[in-house]
N, C-alpha and C. Protein backbone atom coordinates (compact mmCIF):
# COMPACT_ATOMS: atom_id res chain seq x y z
N MET A 1 -180.14 56.05 -18.64
CA MET A 1 -180.03 54.62 -18.71
C MET A 1 -180.92 54.09 -19.83
N VAL A 2 -180.40 53.17 -20.61
CA VAL A 2 -181.14 52.55 -21.70
C VAL A 2 -182.12 51.54 -21.11
N GLU A 3 -183.36 51.63 -21.56
CA GLU A 3 -184.40 50.69 -21.12
C GLU A 3 -185.27 50.33 -22.31
N THR A 4 -185.93 49.19 -22.24
CA THR A 4 -186.78 48.79 -23.35
C THR A 4 -187.95 49.77 -23.50
N LEU A 5 -188.37 49.93 -24.74
CA LEU A 5 -189.53 50.79 -25.00
C LEU A 5 -190.78 50.20 -24.36
N LEU A 6 -190.85 48.87 -24.28
CA LEU A 6 -191.98 48.21 -23.63
C LEU A 6 -192.07 48.61 -22.16
N LEU A 7 -190.94 48.69 -21.47
CA LEU A 7 -190.94 49.12 -20.07
C LEU A 7 -191.46 50.54 -19.94
N TRP A 8 -191.01 51.44 -20.83
CA TRP A 8 -191.51 52.82 -20.81
C TRP A 8 -193.02 52.84 -21.07
N PHE A 9 -193.48 52.04 -22.02
CA PHE A 9 -194.90 51.99 -22.35
C PHE A 9 -195.71 51.49 -21.15
N ASN A 10 -195.23 50.43 -20.49
CA ASN A 10 -195.93 49.91 -19.31
C ASN A 10 -195.98 50.93 -18.19
N ARG A 11 -194.88 51.62 -17.95
CA ARG A 11 -194.86 52.68 -16.93
C ARG A 11 -195.88 53.76 -17.27
N PHE A 12 -195.92 54.13 -18.55
CA PHE A 12 -196.82 55.19 -18.98
C PHE A 12 -198.28 54.79 -18.79
N THR A 13 -198.63 53.55 -19.15
CA THR A 13 -200.02 53.13 -18.99
C THR A 13 -200.40 52.99 -17.51
N ASP A 14 -199.42 52.68 -16.65
CA ASP A 14 -199.68 52.60 -15.20
C ASP A 14 -199.81 53.96 -14.55
N ASP A 15 -198.89 54.89 -14.91
CA ASP A 15 -198.85 56.19 -14.22
C ASP A 15 -198.16 57.24 -15.10
N PRO A 16 -198.91 57.89 -16.00
CA PRO A 16 -198.30 58.88 -16.90
C PRO A 16 -197.58 60.01 -16.15
N ALA A 17 -198.10 60.41 -15.01
CA ALA A 17 -197.46 61.50 -14.25
C ALA A 17 -196.07 61.11 -13.77
N LYS A 18 -195.92 59.85 -13.41
CA LYS A 18 -194.61 59.37 -12.94
C LYS A 18 -193.59 59.40 -14.09
N VAL A 19 -194.03 59.04 -15.28
CA VAL A 19 -193.14 59.08 -16.45
C VAL A 19 -192.76 60.53 -16.76
N ARG A 20 -193.73 61.43 -16.68
CA ARG A 20 -193.46 62.86 -16.91
C ARG A 20 -192.42 63.36 -15.91
N THR A 21 -192.55 62.96 -14.66
CA THR A 21 -191.59 63.36 -13.62
C THR A 21 -190.21 62.78 -13.92
N ARG A 22 -190.15 61.52 -14.34
CA ARG A 22 -188.87 60.88 -14.66
C ARG A 22 -188.15 61.60 -15.79
N LEU A 23 -188.90 62.05 -16.78
CA LEU A 23 -188.30 62.75 -17.91
C LEU A 23 -187.80 64.14 -17.51
N ALA A 24 -188.53 64.80 -16.64
CA ALA A 24 -188.15 66.14 -16.16
C ALA A 24 -187.75 67.07 -17.30
N GLY A 25 -188.47 67.00 -18.40
CA GLY A 25 -188.21 67.90 -19.52
C GLY A 25 -187.05 67.49 -20.42
N ARG A 26 -186.41 66.37 -20.13
CA ARG A 26 -185.26 65.93 -20.94
C ARG A 26 -185.74 65.17 -22.18
N PRO A 27 -185.04 65.35 -23.30
CA PRO A 27 -185.40 64.62 -24.51
C PRO A 27 -185.01 63.15 -24.44
N VAL A 28 -185.48 62.39 -25.42
CA VAL A 28 -185.30 60.93 -25.45
C VAL A 28 -184.88 60.51 -26.86
N LEU A 29 -184.00 59.51 -26.93
CA LEU A 29 -183.69 58.84 -28.19
C LEU A 29 -184.36 57.48 -28.18
N VAL A 30 -185.02 57.14 -29.28
CA VAL A 30 -185.70 55.85 -29.39
C VAL A 30 -185.10 55.08 -30.56
N TYR A 31 -184.77 53.83 -30.29
CA TYR A 31 -184.25 52.92 -31.30
C TYR A 31 -185.29 51.82 -31.50
N GLU A 32 -185.70 51.64 -32.75
CA GLU A 32 -186.58 50.53 -33.09
C GLU A 32 -185.89 49.75 -34.19
N PRO A 33 -185.60 48.47 -33.94
CA PRO A 33 -184.87 47.67 -34.93
C PRO A 33 -185.57 47.70 -36.27
N PRO A 34 -184.78 47.69 -37.34
CA PRO A 34 -185.41 47.69 -38.66
C PRO A 34 -186.18 46.39 -38.90
N THR A 35 -187.24 46.52 -39.66
CA THR A 35 -188.01 45.36 -40.08
C THR A 35 -187.72 45.13 -41.56
N GLU A 36 -188.22 44.06 -42.11
CA GLU A 36 -188.00 43.81 -43.54
C GLU A 36 -188.52 44.96 -44.38
N ASP A 37 -189.59 45.64 -43.89
CA ASP A 37 -190.16 46.76 -44.63
C ASP A 37 -189.26 47.99 -44.60
N THR A 38 -188.45 48.14 -43.54
CA THR A 38 -187.68 49.37 -43.38
C THR A 38 -186.19 49.23 -43.66
N ILE A 39 -185.72 48.02 -43.93
CA ILE A 39 -184.29 47.83 -44.18
C ILE A 39 -183.94 48.33 -45.58
N ASP A 40 -182.94 49.18 -45.63
CA ASP A 40 -182.37 49.64 -46.89
C ASP A 40 -181.35 48.59 -47.32
N GLU A 41 -181.53 48.00 -48.49
CA GLU A 41 -180.66 46.90 -48.89
C GLU A 41 -179.21 47.31 -49.04
N ASP A 42 -178.93 48.62 -49.16
CA ASP A 42 -177.56 49.10 -49.27
C ASP A 42 -176.87 49.17 -47.91
N ASP A 43 -177.64 49.13 -46.83
CA ASP A 43 -177.06 49.20 -45.49
C ASP A 43 -176.62 47.84 -45.02
N ASP A 44 -175.55 47.80 -44.27
CA ASP A 44 -175.02 46.57 -43.70
C ASP A 44 -175.38 46.56 -42.22
N TYR A 45 -176.55 46.04 -41.88
CA TYR A 45 -176.98 46.01 -40.48
C TYR A 45 -176.31 44.86 -39.77
N GLN A 46 -175.71 45.16 -38.66
CA GLN A 46 -175.07 44.14 -37.86
C GLN A 46 -175.69 44.16 -36.48
N LEU A 47 -176.99 43.98 -36.44
CA LEU A 47 -177.68 43.99 -35.17
C LEU A 47 -177.40 42.68 -34.46
N ARG A 48 -177.02 42.78 -33.20
CA ARG A 48 -176.63 41.60 -32.46
C ARG A 48 -176.82 41.87 -30.98
N THR A 49 -176.57 40.86 -30.21
CA THR A 49 -176.66 41.06 -28.78
C THR A 49 -175.44 41.81 -28.29
N GLN A 50 -175.50 42.27 -27.06
CA GLN A 50 -174.40 43.04 -26.49
C GLN A 50 -173.13 42.21 -26.46
N SER A 51 -172.04 42.88 -26.74
CA SER A 51 -170.76 42.18 -26.82
C SER A 51 -169.87 42.58 -25.64
N GLY A 52 -170.06 41.93 -24.53
CA GLY A 52 -169.19 42.17 -23.39
C GLY A 52 -169.44 43.48 -22.68
N LEU A 53 -170.53 44.13 -22.95
CA LEU A 53 -170.82 45.39 -22.27
C LEU A 53 -171.50 45.10 -20.94
N SER A 54 -171.14 45.88 -19.93
CA SER A 54 -171.75 45.67 -18.62
C SER A 54 -172.95 46.58 -18.41
N VAL A 55 -173.20 47.48 -19.35
CA VAL A 55 -174.35 48.38 -19.25
C VAL A 55 -175.28 48.08 -20.42
N PRO A 56 -176.59 48.33 -20.26
CA PRO A 56 -177.50 48.12 -21.39
C PRO A 56 -177.10 49.03 -22.55
N ALA A 57 -177.28 48.54 -23.75
CA ALA A 57 -176.89 49.30 -24.94
C ALA A 57 -177.95 49.17 -26.02
N ILE A 58 -177.97 50.17 -26.89
CA ILE A 58 -178.85 50.15 -28.05
C ILE A 58 -178.10 49.45 -29.17
N GLY A 59 -178.79 48.60 -29.91
CA GLY A 59 -178.18 47.96 -31.06
C GLY A 59 -178.56 46.50 -31.20
N GLY A 60 -179.42 46.01 -30.37
CA GLY A 60 -179.85 44.62 -30.47
C GLY A 60 -181.18 44.52 -31.18
N GLY A 61 -181.97 43.54 -30.78
CA GLY A 61 -183.22 43.29 -31.46
C GLY A 61 -184.45 43.87 -30.80
N ASP A 62 -184.30 44.54 -29.65
CA ASP A 62 -185.45 45.09 -28.94
C ASP A 62 -185.54 46.60 -29.11
N PRO A 63 -186.76 47.14 -29.24
CA PRO A 63 -186.91 48.59 -29.24
C PRO A 63 -186.46 49.15 -27.88
N MET A 64 -185.65 50.19 -27.92
CA MET A 64 -185.08 50.75 -26.70
C MET A 64 -185.29 52.26 -26.68
N ALA A 65 -185.24 52.82 -25.48
CA ALA A 65 -185.32 54.27 -25.31
C ALA A 65 -184.31 54.68 -24.25
N VAL A 66 -183.73 55.86 -24.43
CA VAL A 66 -182.78 56.39 -23.47
C VAL A 66 -183.03 57.89 -23.30
N VAL A 67 -183.14 58.30 -22.05
CA VAL A 67 -183.26 59.72 -21.75
C VAL A 67 -181.89 60.35 -21.98
N ILE A 68 -181.87 61.47 -22.66
CA ILE A 68 -180.61 62.15 -22.95
C ILE A 68 -180.20 62.92 -21.70
N GLU A 69 -179.23 62.33 -21.00
CA GLU A 69 -178.74 62.93 -19.76
C GLU A 69 -177.31 62.50 -19.52
N LYS A 70 -176.60 63.28 -18.76
CA LYS A 70 -175.22 63.02 -18.41
C LYS A 70 -175.11 61.88 -17.42
N THR A 71 -174.09 61.03 -17.59
CA THR A 71 -173.80 60.03 -16.57
C THR A 71 -172.67 60.58 -15.71
N LYS A 72 -172.60 60.14 -14.48
CA LYS A 72 -171.62 60.69 -13.55
C LYS A 72 -170.19 60.29 -13.90
N ASP A 73 -169.99 59.20 -14.62
CA ASP A 73 -168.65 58.70 -14.90
C ASP A 73 -167.98 59.33 -16.11
N ASN A 74 -168.71 60.07 -16.92
CA ASN A 74 -168.15 60.62 -18.14
C ASN A 74 -167.44 61.95 -17.87
N ALA A 75 -166.27 62.13 -18.48
CA ALA A 75 -165.43 63.29 -18.20
C ALA A 75 -165.93 64.59 -18.81
N PHE A 76 -166.59 64.53 -19.95
CA PHE A 76 -167.06 65.76 -20.58
C PHE A 76 -168.19 66.37 -19.75
N GLN A 77 -168.08 67.63 -19.43
CA GLN A 77 -169.07 68.28 -18.57
C GLN A 77 -170.39 68.57 -19.29
N ARG A 78 -170.32 69.22 -20.45
CA ARG A 78 -171.53 69.66 -21.14
C ARG A 78 -172.01 68.69 -22.22
N ARG A 79 -171.15 67.82 -22.66
CA ARG A 79 -171.48 66.95 -23.78
C ARG A 79 -171.99 65.60 -23.30
N ILE A 80 -173.05 65.15 -23.93
CA ILE A 80 -173.58 63.81 -23.68
C ILE A 80 -173.05 62.97 -24.84
N THR A 81 -172.07 62.14 -24.53
CA THR A 81 -171.36 61.42 -25.57
C THR A 81 -172.10 60.18 -26.04
N ILE A 82 -171.90 59.86 -27.32
CA ILE A 82 -172.52 58.70 -27.96
C ILE A 82 -171.40 57.91 -28.62
N GLY A 83 -171.37 56.61 -28.36
CA GLY A 83 -170.35 55.78 -28.99
C GLY A 83 -170.52 54.32 -28.65
N ARG A 84 -169.59 53.52 -29.14
CA ARG A 84 -169.67 52.07 -29.00
C ARG A 84 -169.16 51.57 -27.65
N THR A 85 -168.27 52.32 -27.00
CA THR A 85 -167.67 51.83 -25.75
C THR A 85 -168.46 52.29 -24.53
N ALA A 86 -168.29 51.53 -23.46
CA ALA A 86 -169.08 51.73 -22.25
C ALA A 86 -168.79 53.03 -21.51
N ASN A 87 -167.73 53.75 -21.86
CA ASN A 87 -167.45 55.01 -21.18
C ASN A 87 -168.24 56.18 -21.76
N ASN A 88 -169.11 55.93 -22.73
CA ASN A 88 -169.99 56.96 -23.28
C ASN A 88 -171.26 57.07 -22.46
N ASP A 89 -171.91 58.22 -22.54
CA ASP A 89 -173.19 58.40 -21.85
C ASP A 89 -174.28 57.54 -22.49
N ILE A 90 -174.24 57.44 -23.82
CA ILE A 90 -175.19 56.62 -24.57
C ILE A 90 -174.38 55.62 -25.38
N VAL A 91 -174.58 54.33 -25.10
CA VAL A 91 -173.80 53.28 -25.75
C VAL A 91 -174.63 52.65 -26.87
N LEU A 92 -174.05 52.65 -28.09
CA LEU A 92 -174.67 52.03 -29.25
C LEU A 92 -173.80 50.85 -29.65
N ASP A 93 -174.29 49.65 -29.43
CA ASP A 93 -173.51 48.44 -29.63
C ASP A 93 -173.63 47.95 -31.06
N ASP A 94 -172.86 48.59 -31.95
CA ASP A 94 -172.86 48.21 -33.35
C ASP A 94 -171.50 48.57 -33.92
N THR A 95 -170.94 47.69 -34.74
CA THR A 95 -169.59 47.93 -35.27
C THR A 95 -169.52 49.13 -36.20
N SER A 96 -170.64 49.62 -36.70
CA SER A 96 -170.62 50.80 -37.57
C SER A 96 -170.48 52.10 -36.76
N VAL A 97 -170.59 51.99 -35.46
CA VAL A 97 -170.49 53.15 -34.56
C VAL A 97 -169.07 53.23 -34.02
N SER A 98 -168.47 54.41 -34.09
CA SER A 98 -167.11 54.61 -33.57
C SER A 98 -167.11 54.54 -32.06
N ARG A 99 -165.94 54.32 -31.50
CA ARG A 99 -165.83 54.27 -30.03
C ARG A 99 -166.38 55.55 -29.42
N PHE A 100 -166.01 56.71 -29.94
CA PHE A 100 -166.60 58.00 -29.57
C PHE A 100 -167.09 58.59 -30.88
N HIS A 101 -168.37 58.50 -31.13
CA HIS A 101 -168.95 58.79 -32.45
C HIS A 101 -169.46 60.23 -32.56
N ALA A 102 -170.20 60.66 -31.55
CA ALA A 102 -170.86 61.96 -31.61
C ALA A 102 -171.19 62.42 -30.21
N TRP A 103 -171.75 63.62 -30.11
CA TRP A 103 -172.26 64.07 -28.82
C TRP A 103 -173.50 64.93 -29.04
N ILE A 104 -174.28 65.02 -27.98
CA ILE A 104 -175.45 65.88 -27.95
C ILE A 104 -175.23 66.88 -26.83
N GLU A 105 -175.58 68.12 -27.09
CA GLU A 105 -175.48 69.13 -26.04
C GLU A 105 -176.59 70.15 -26.20
N GLN A 106 -176.84 70.85 -25.13
CA GLN A 106 -177.88 71.87 -25.15
C GLN A 106 -177.22 73.22 -25.41
N ASN A 107 -177.67 73.90 -26.46
CA ASN A 107 -177.23 75.26 -26.79
C ASN A 107 -178.42 76.16 -26.53
N ASN A 108 -178.34 76.96 -25.47
CA ASN A 108 -179.47 77.79 -25.05
C ASN A 108 -180.68 76.88 -24.83
N ALA A 109 -181.76 77.09 -25.57
CA ALA A 109 -182.97 76.29 -25.34
C ALA A 109 -183.08 75.10 -26.29
N GLU A 110 -182.13 74.97 -27.23
CA GLU A 110 -182.25 73.87 -28.18
C GLU A 110 -181.14 72.84 -27.99
N TRP A 111 -181.45 71.62 -28.45
CA TRP A 111 -180.49 70.52 -28.39
C TRP A 111 -179.87 70.34 -29.77
N VAL A 112 -178.58 70.01 -29.80
CA VAL A 112 -177.88 69.81 -31.06
C VAL A 112 -177.12 68.49 -31.03
N LEU A 113 -176.95 67.91 -32.21
CA LEU A 113 -176.11 66.72 -32.41
C LEU A 113 -174.85 67.17 -33.14
N VAL A 114 -173.70 66.69 -32.68
CA VAL A 114 -172.43 67.01 -33.32
C VAL A 114 -171.69 65.70 -33.57
N ASP A 115 -171.32 65.46 -34.82
CA ASP A 115 -170.51 64.28 -35.14
C ASP A 115 -169.07 64.59 -34.73
N ALA A 116 -168.41 63.64 -34.09
CA ALA A 116 -167.05 63.85 -33.57
C ALA A 116 -165.97 63.55 -34.60
N GLY A 117 -166.33 63.45 -35.87
CA GLY A 117 -165.37 63.06 -36.89
C GLY A 117 -165.31 61.55 -37.03
N SER A 118 -166.43 60.91 -36.83
CA SER A 118 -166.51 59.45 -36.84
C SER A 118 -166.25 58.88 -38.23
N ARG A 119 -165.90 57.62 -38.27
CA ARG A 119 -165.59 56.95 -39.54
C ARG A 119 -166.82 56.84 -40.44
N ASN A 120 -167.97 56.45 -39.89
CA ASN A 120 -169.17 56.23 -40.71
C ASN A 120 -170.17 57.38 -40.68
N GLY A 121 -169.87 58.43 -39.95
CA GLY A 121 -170.68 59.63 -39.98
C GLY A 121 -172.02 59.54 -39.29
N SER A 122 -172.71 60.67 -39.31
CA SER A 122 -174.03 60.81 -38.71
C SER A 122 -174.91 61.60 -39.67
N THR A 123 -176.20 61.28 -39.66
CA THR A 123 -177.14 62.05 -40.46
C THR A 123 -178.28 62.54 -39.58
N VAL A 124 -178.86 63.65 -39.97
CA VAL A 124 -180.04 64.21 -39.33
C VAL A 124 -181.06 64.44 -40.43
N ALA A 125 -182.22 63.79 -40.31
CA ALA A 125 -183.29 63.89 -41.31
C ALA A 125 -182.77 63.54 -42.71
N GLY A 126 -181.90 62.52 -42.80
CA GLY A 126 -181.40 62.05 -44.07
C GLY A 126 -180.24 62.85 -44.63
N ARG A 127 -179.82 63.89 -43.95
CA ARG A 127 -178.72 64.75 -44.41
C ARG A 127 -177.46 64.49 -43.59
N LYS A 128 -176.37 64.13 -44.25
CA LYS A 128 -175.11 63.90 -43.54
C LYS A 128 -174.62 65.21 -42.94
N ILE A 129 -174.23 65.14 -41.66
CA ILE A 129 -173.75 66.36 -41.02
C ILE A 129 -172.23 66.36 -41.01
N PRO A 130 -171.63 67.53 -41.27
CA PRO A 130 -170.17 67.62 -41.25
C PRO A 130 -169.64 67.42 -39.83
N ALA A 131 -168.43 66.91 -39.71
CA ALA A 131 -167.80 66.74 -38.40
C ALA A 131 -167.69 68.08 -37.69
N LYS A 132 -167.97 68.05 -36.40
CA LYS A 132 -167.84 69.19 -35.50
C LYS A 132 -168.80 70.35 -35.79
N ALA A 133 -169.80 70.13 -36.64
CA ALA A 133 -170.79 71.15 -36.96
C ALA A 133 -172.11 70.81 -36.28
N PRO A 134 -172.56 71.62 -35.33
CA PRO A 134 -173.81 71.32 -34.62
C PRO A 134 -175.02 71.32 -35.57
N SER A 135 -175.89 70.34 -35.37
CA SER A 135 -177.13 70.24 -36.14
C SER A 135 -178.29 70.24 -35.14
N THR A 136 -179.17 71.21 -35.28
CA THR A 136 -180.29 71.37 -34.35
C THR A 136 -181.27 70.20 -34.45
N LEU A 137 -181.72 69.74 -33.29
CA LEU A 137 -182.66 68.63 -33.20
C LEU A 137 -184.05 69.14 -32.87
N THR A 138 -185.04 68.59 -33.54
CA THR A 138 -186.44 68.91 -33.25
C THR A 138 -187.21 67.61 -33.10
N ASN A 139 -188.35 67.69 -32.46
CA ASN A 139 -189.14 66.51 -32.17
C ASN A 139 -189.44 65.68 -33.42
N GLY A 140 -189.19 64.37 -33.31
CA GLY A 140 -189.51 63.43 -34.38
C GLY A 140 -188.45 63.28 -35.45
N LEU A 141 -187.33 63.99 -35.33
CA LEU A 141 -186.27 63.87 -36.33
C LEU A 141 -185.64 62.49 -36.28
N VAL A 142 -185.38 61.94 -37.45
CA VAL A 142 -184.70 60.66 -37.55
C VAL A 142 -183.20 60.92 -37.69
N LEU A 143 -182.44 60.27 -36.81
CA LEU A 143 -180.98 60.38 -36.81
C LEU A 143 -180.41 59.04 -37.23
N ARG A 144 -179.25 59.08 -37.84
CA ARG A 144 -178.52 57.85 -38.12
C ARG A 144 -177.11 58.04 -37.57
N ILE A 145 -176.77 57.16 -36.65
CA ILE A 145 -175.44 57.14 -36.06
C ILE A 145 -174.79 55.86 -36.57
N GLY A 146 -173.81 55.99 -37.46
CA GLY A 146 -173.31 54.80 -38.14
C GLY A 146 -174.47 54.21 -38.93
N ALA A 147 -174.75 52.93 -38.73
CA ALA A 147 -175.86 52.28 -39.42
C ALA A 147 -177.14 52.23 -38.59
N LEU A 148 -177.08 52.73 -37.35
CA LEU A 148 -178.26 52.65 -36.47
C LEU A 148 -179.15 53.88 -36.64
N GLN A 149 -180.43 53.62 -36.79
CA GLN A 149 -181.42 54.69 -36.92
C GLN A 149 -182.10 54.91 -35.58
N LEU A 150 -182.14 56.16 -35.15
CA LEU A 150 -182.77 56.54 -33.89
C LEU A 150 -183.73 57.70 -34.17
N THR A 151 -184.72 57.86 -33.33
CA THR A 151 -185.63 59.00 -33.44
C THR A 151 -185.45 59.86 -32.20
N TYR A 152 -185.31 61.17 -32.42
CA TYR A 152 -185.16 62.13 -31.34
C TYR A 152 -186.55 62.65 -30.97
N TYR A 153 -186.87 62.60 -29.67
CA TYR A 153 -188.13 63.15 -29.18
C TYR A 153 -187.85 64.14 -28.06
N THR A 154 -188.59 65.24 -28.08
CA THR A 154 -188.61 66.09 -26.90
C THR A 154 -189.33 65.30 -25.81
N ALA A 155 -189.26 65.75 -24.57
CA ALA A 155 -189.97 65.04 -23.50
C ALA A 155 -191.46 64.95 -23.82
N GLN A 156 -192.05 66.07 -24.25
CA GLN A 156 -193.48 66.07 -24.57
C GLN A 156 -193.77 65.20 -25.78
N GLY A 157 -192.89 65.24 -26.77
CA GLY A 157 -193.06 64.40 -27.95
C GLY A 157 -193.03 62.92 -27.62
N PHE A 158 -192.16 62.53 -26.69
CA PHE A 158 -192.07 61.13 -26.27
C PHE A 158 -193.35 60.72 -25.54
N LEU A 159 -193.84 61.60 -24.66
CA LEU A 159 -195.10 61.32 -23.96
C LEU A 159 -196.25 61.18 -24.96
N ASP A 160 -196.28 62.08 -25.95
CA ASP A 160 -197.32 62.01 -26.99
C ASP A 160 -197.24 60.70 -27.77
N MET A 161 -196.01 60.26 -28.09
CA MET A 161 -195.83 59.02 -28.82
C MET A 161 -196.33 57.84 -27.99
N LEU A 162 -195.99 57.81 -26.70
CA LEU A 162 -196.47 56.74 -25.82
C LEU A 162 -198.00 56.76 -25.73
N HIS A 163 -198.58 57.95 -25.63
CA HIS A 163 -200.04 58.08 -25.56
C HIS A 163 -200.70 57.58 -26.84
N ARG A 164 -200.13 57.95 -27.99
CA ARG A 164 -200.69 57.48 -29.27
C ARG A 164 -200.67 55.96 -29.34
N ARG A 165 -199.56 55.37 -28.95
CA ARG A 165 -199.44 53.90 -29.02
C ARG A 165 -200.37 53.22 -28.01
N ALA A 166 -200.62 53.88 -26.90
CA ALA A 166 -201.53 53.30 -25.89
C ALA A 166 -202.97 53.30 -26.37
N THR A 167 -203.31 54.22 -27.28
CA THR A 167 -204.70 54.32 -27.73
C THR A 167 -204.91 53.65 -29.10
N GLU A 168 -203.86 53.08 -29.66
CA GLU A 168 -204.01 52.39 -30.96
C GLU A 168 -204.66 51.05 -30.81
C-alpha cells in the first residue's frame, strides 16, 4: 500500500522495530516529487492529484513510499505490476506511465525490474532498459518509470535512509 514518506518517518521515530517487522525484508520504492533544483527541463512533468483512483497512488506532490509486495486482487502470481490503472500492484498516477508499464519480480535472491514494452520506457540508473529484459535492482538505484523518478531501497537500505533523516 502506498503511504506518505512522512508517515513512514513518524512510525520509524516512534518504533523502529515495528517498521522493521512491517517491512519483513521486502524492498521499498520511494517517490519524492522533483524540486526546481532537480527538474530536467527536457522532461514534461505532469504531477497532479489522483484522477479518479480509489487507491492511493504515486504521482502527486507528496513524497510517497510503497513496499514492493503482491496485492491479492492482481492476476499475475510472481510479478508485482506497475502501471497507471488501479488493477496494478503499484499505481503511478501520471500520463507518462502506461496502463501496464512494468513489473518487479524476485529472481532467486535478487529483485529485477522488467519493462513491459511501455510507450515511454523505463530506466535504471539512467540507462534505458529494453522491453522484457530483466534489470537487477540494488539499494539506492534511481529508476524512471515514464517521467516519474523513484528510488529502489532494500528493506535495510530504507531503514538506514529513515535513520539518516531522523538524525539530520
